Amino acid sequence: MTGSTATTGGAGAPAPAEGRAPEGTNGKGPGFMAGPAGRLLGLVVALGLLCIVGAVTAPERFVDIDNVLTILRLAAVIGVVSVGMTFVIIGGGIDLSVGALVALSSVWATTLATQQMAEDVHWIVMVITAIAVGAGAGLVNGVVIAYGRLVAFIATLAMLAAARGLAEIIANRRTQIVQNDGFLDFFGGDVLGIPGLVIIWALVSVAGWILLNRTTFGRHTFAVGGNAEAARLAGIRVQWHTLKLYVLSGVTCGIAAVMLMARTTTGSSTHGTLLELEVIAAVVIGGTLLTGGRGTIVGTVLGVLIFTTLENVFTLNNLSSSVQAVAQGVIIVLAVLLQMRLAEGQGFGRRSRSGESSFGPRGAAAGAVAGGSSDAG
């Protein structure tokens, strides 16, 4: 596919050259903080300030190495699901079913039949089962959204209810205990003092970064999220790509289910309750644009760490869960408002002669198709 395919006017116009101010800004760029490096620096500063607050308010407990490892363990499950969610949101979608898919995958992988097969063959059977269930549910989401043309919010909301209900039916509303010692030893152990769950999160994040920033799949994701119609005219199979995004999200849910099974030694229909809220919040805090077309894996990782560290600071200071919920809501609103302000600074609202935005996610769609990304970071 050549760059000329994506330069057919309107939304298909290529993004401005790097380092060049967009037309209509009197030569003044959006500023350092509106760029990818500025946003990531802001997240690092925010995380640093949170750590300072934790060290001041709970000096002995917060800086303890066991507490740091606890934060990382809690962040690992959210972080793995957030990688998949980042792809979905950059691609212009949303997935509200991730928590229910984690529960369904954990229950299916810990049934007596599955665990007996794992005893007879190998514990890897439980891992494959969890990932396959997550991928299968993600496939259903993708088919309904991409080919059934149902709004992603409604489709994944329906999957949330259905998957949670199916998990309760399979488990008969009971907690299923993981009895395979090999499984627990492998995923529950440490490597050089680093918890295995944290290592899994790191590997998934690195794989996600490579997929998003160094492959055609990633460029197509930016293009579809920036402007699906321009991407279609440029030759991308938008429906097929959307389906793959939801399957990817389901796979990360299956991996997270395995991690939860190892951490809690159980499979339960209550796993992942409200996980979708935490994941979406972390992704948004990390700078991924809810309207699609912009986001980074590094930003998502920092967002997860900020969100988890904040919860830890609240817990160490004996603040109630109600206060934590209020704070989380306020942070989400502030993060979205900040995104909107930065988006305005980058000219997202400016219209070209053809009526389409000529800069930002929509105008950058063709640039992503032609070989770049609208904001790979």
Foldseek 3Di string as FASTA:
>chain_A
DALVLQPPDFLSNAADDPPFADPPPVRDALDDCLAPVNLLVVLVVLLVVLLVLLCVLPVPPSPDPVNVLVLLLVLLLLLLLLLLQLLLQQLQAGAPQLLLLLLLLLLQLQDPVNLVVCVVPNSVSSLVSLLVSLLVLLLVLLCCCLVVVDHSVVSNVVNNVVSLVVSCVSCVQDKGFQDDPVLLPVQQDADVNHHNSSVVSVVSLVVSLCCLAPDLLNLLSLLNLLPVVSSVSSPDPSSVSSSVSSSSSSSSSSVSSSSVCNVVRIRGSCGSVCSSLLSVLLQLSLPRQSSHNDGESSSSSSSSSSLSSVVSSCVSNVHDVVVNVVVSVVSSVVSNVVSVVSCVSNQCVDADPVGHRCHASSSNSSVSNNPHGNRSD
